[in-house]
C-alpha atoms as a PDB file:
ATOM      1  CA  MET A   1       0.000   0.000   0.000  1.00  0.00           C
ATOM      2  CA  GLN A   2       1.299   3.446  -0.928  1.00  0.00           C
ATOM      3  CA  PRO A   3       1.570   5.892   1.968  1.00  0.00           C
ATOM      4  CA  LYS A   4      -1.024   8.667   2.076  1.00  0.00           C
ATOM      5  CA  ILE A   5       1.502  11.196   3.326  1.00  0.00           C
ATOM      6  CA  THR A   6       5.194  11.685   2.657  1.00  0.00           C
ATOM      7  CA  ILE A   7       7.079  13.747   5.209  1.00  0.00           C
ATOM      8  CA  GLY A   8      10.328  15.320   4.041  1.00  0.00           C
ATOM      9  CA  ILE A   9      13.019  16.211   6.563  1.00  0.00           C
ATOM     10  CA  PRO A  10      16.176  17.977   5.370  1.00  0.00           C
ATOM     11  CA  VAL A  11      18.902  17.723   8.026  1.00  0.00           C
ATOM     12  CA  TYR A  12      22.350  19.131   8.681  1.00  0.00           C
ATOM     13  CA  ASN A  13      24.258  18.523  11.936  1.00  0.00           C
ATOM     14  CA  SER A  14      21.072  17.689  13.810  1.00  0.00           C
ATOM     15  CA  GLU A  15      22.319  14.968  16.158  1.00  0.00           C
ATOM     16  CA  LYS A  16      20.976  16.732  19.255  1.00  0.00           C
ATOM     17  CA  PHE A  17      17.320  16.528  18.244  1.00  0.00           C
ATOM     18  CA  ILE A  18      16.787  14.395  15.119  1.00  0.00           C
ATOM     19  CA  LYS A  19      16.061  11.115  16.937  1.00  0.00           C
ATOM     20  CA  LYS A  20      13.410  12.721  19.126  1.00  0.00           C
ATOM     21  CA  HIS A  21      11.943  14.477  16.076  1.00  0.00           C
ATOM     22  CA  ILE A  22      11.620  11.216  14.116  1.00  0.00           C
ATOM     23  CA  GLU A  23      10.286   9.295  17.117  1.00  0.00           C
ATOM     24  CA  SER A  24       7.636  11.966  17.596  1.00  0.00           C
ATOM     25  CA  ILE A  25       6.452  11.567  14.005  1.00  0.00           C
ATOM     26  CA  CYS A  26       6.478   7.757  14.195  1.00  0.00           C
ATOM     27  CA  SER A  27       4.445   7.709  17.409  1.00  0.00           C
ATOM     28  CA  GLN A  28       1.457   9.523  15.905  1.00  0.00           C
ATOM     29  CA  THR A  29      -1.847   7.665  15.769  1.00  0.00           C
ATOM     30  CA  PHE A  30      -1.962   8.112  11.972  1.00  0.00           C
ATOM     31  CA  GLN A  31       0.509   5.563  10.620  1.00  0.00           C
ATOM     32  CA  ASN A  32       0.047   5.568   6.829  1.00  0.00           C
ATOM     33  CA  PHE A  33       3.066   7.715   5.957  1.00  0.00           C
ATOM     34  CA  CYS A  34       6.684   7.576   4.942  1.00  0.00           C
ATOM     35  CA  ILE A  35       9.515   9.843   6.022  1.00  0.00           C
ATOM     36  CA  ILE A  36      12.240  10.888   3.615  1.00  0.00           C
ATOM     37  CA  ILE A  37      15.311  12.227   5.410  1.00  0.00           C
ATOM     38  CA  SER A  38      17.920  14.002   3.309  1.00  0.00           C
ATOM     39  CA  ASP A  39      21.237  14.733   5.019  1.00  0.00           C
ATOM     40  CA  ASN A  40      23.132  17.606   3.454  1.00  0.00           C
ATOM     41  CA  GLY A  41      26.677  16.597   4.458  1.00  0.00           C
ATOM     42  CA  SER A  42      26.433  16.506   8.249  1.00  0.00           C
ATOM     43  CA  ILE A  43      29.748  16.150  10.068  1.00  0.00           C
ATOM     44  CA  ASP A  44      28.258  15.057  13.398  1.00  0.00           C
ATOM     45  CA  LYS A  45      26.380  11.818  14.177  1.00  0.00           C
ATOM     46  CA  THR A  46      23.214  12.816  12.315  1.00  0.00           C
ATOM     47  CA  SER A  47      23.804  10.321   9.494  1.00  0.00           C
ATOM     48  CA  GLU A  48      24.447   7.421  11.843  1.00  0.00           C
ATOM     49  CA  ILE A  49      21.280   8.170  13.822  1.00  0.00           C
ATOM     50  CA  CYS A  50      19.135   8.471  10.692  1.00  0.00           C
ATOM     51  CA  GLU A  51      20.637   5.353   9.106  1.00  0.00           C
ATOM     52  CA  GLU A  52      19.958   3.336  12.268  1.00  0.00           C
ATOM     53  CA  MET A  53      16.374   4.557  12.448  1.00  0.00           C
ATOM     54  CA  SER A  54      15.748   3.804   8.756  1.00  0.00           C
ATOM     55  CA  LYS A  55      16.915   0.220   9.320  1.00  0.00           C
ATOM     56  CA  SER A  56      14.492  -0.248  12.204  1.00  0.00           C
ATOM     57  CA  ASP A  57      11.414   1.278  10.524  1.00  0.00           C
ATOM     58  CA  ASN A  58      10.621   0.629   6.864  1.00  0.00           C
ATOM     59  CA  ARG A  59       8.617   3.875   6.652  1.00  0.00           C
ATOM     60  CA  ILE A  60      11.871   5.840   6.972  1.00  0.00           C
ATOM     61  CA  ILE A  61      13.997   6.424   3.874  1.00  0.00           C
ATOM     62  CA  PHE A  62      17.419   7.966   4.392  1.00  0.00           C
ATOM     63  CA  SER A  63      19.560   9.665   1.771  1.00  0.00           C
ATOM     64  CA  LYS A  64      22.966  11.278   2.361  1.00  0.00           C
ATOM     65  CA  TRP A  65      24.678  13.957   0.319  1.00  0.00           C
ATOM     66  CA  PHE A  66      28.358  14.112   1.258  1.00  0.00           C
ATOM     67  CA  LEU A  67      28.901  17.815   0.669  1.00  0.00           C
ATOM     68  CA  ASN A  68      27.167  20.666   2.452  1.00  0.00           C
ATOM     69  CA  GLU A  69      25.983  22.568  -0.576  1.00  0.00           C
ATOM     70  CA  PHE A  70      22.814  23.518  -2.392  1.00  0.00           C
ATOM     71  CA  GLY A  71      20.547  22.818   0.633  1.00  0.00           C
ATOM     72  CA  ALA A  72      16.974  22.756  -0.655  1.00  0.00           C
ATOM     73  CA  LYS A  73      18.042  21.862  -4.192  1.00  0.00           C
ATOM     74  CA  ILE A  74      19.626  18.608  -2.991  1.00  0.00           C
ATOM     75  CA  PHE A  75      16.656  17.831  -0.754  1.00  0.00           C
ATOM     76  CA  PHE A  76      14.169  18.134  -3.618  1.00  0.00           C
ATOM     77  CA  GLN A  77      16.495  16.281  -5.996  1.00  0.00           C
ATOM     78  CA  ASN A  78      16.574  13.365  -3.540  1.00  0.00           C
ATOM     79  CA  ILE A  79      12.795  13.345  -3.262  1.00  0.00           C
ATOM     80  CA  LYS A  80      12.379  13.416  -7.060  1.00  0.00           C
ATOM     81  CA  THR A  81      14.819  10.508  -7.422  1.00  0.00           C
ATOM     82  CA  LEU A  82      13.051   8.435  -4.773  1.00  0.00           C
ATOM     83  CA  ILE A  83       9.666   9.090  -6.366  1.00  0.00           C
ATOM     84  CA  LYS A  84      11.034   8.240  -9.817  1.00  0.00           C
ATOM     85  CA  PHE A  85      12.252   4.853  -8.605  1.00  0.00           C
ATOM     86  CA  ASN A  86       9.117   4.384  -6.457  1.00  0.00           C
ATOM     87  CA  VAL A  87      11.131   3.804  -3.299  1.00  0.00           C
ATOM     88  CA  SER A  88       8.798   3.850  -0.320  1.00  0.00           C
END
């Protein structure tokens, strides 16, 4: 079943709050969604946290960009790519 809602989360060096943020979304009573997290070259533990969470919940899709550049452009490029390949 395709999710009714896709939630996009662009992140950069967000290790202090990203886990709590994702857990808050996942604990909602409405469960028919997917979360696309796009990391824009974080140099802290953001990527490791997001990767771990995506492995434990199949509604979470994680994508990492290794350079901190182009912010929103990279985020939307990742979403377009995931939609094109119907990854959800």
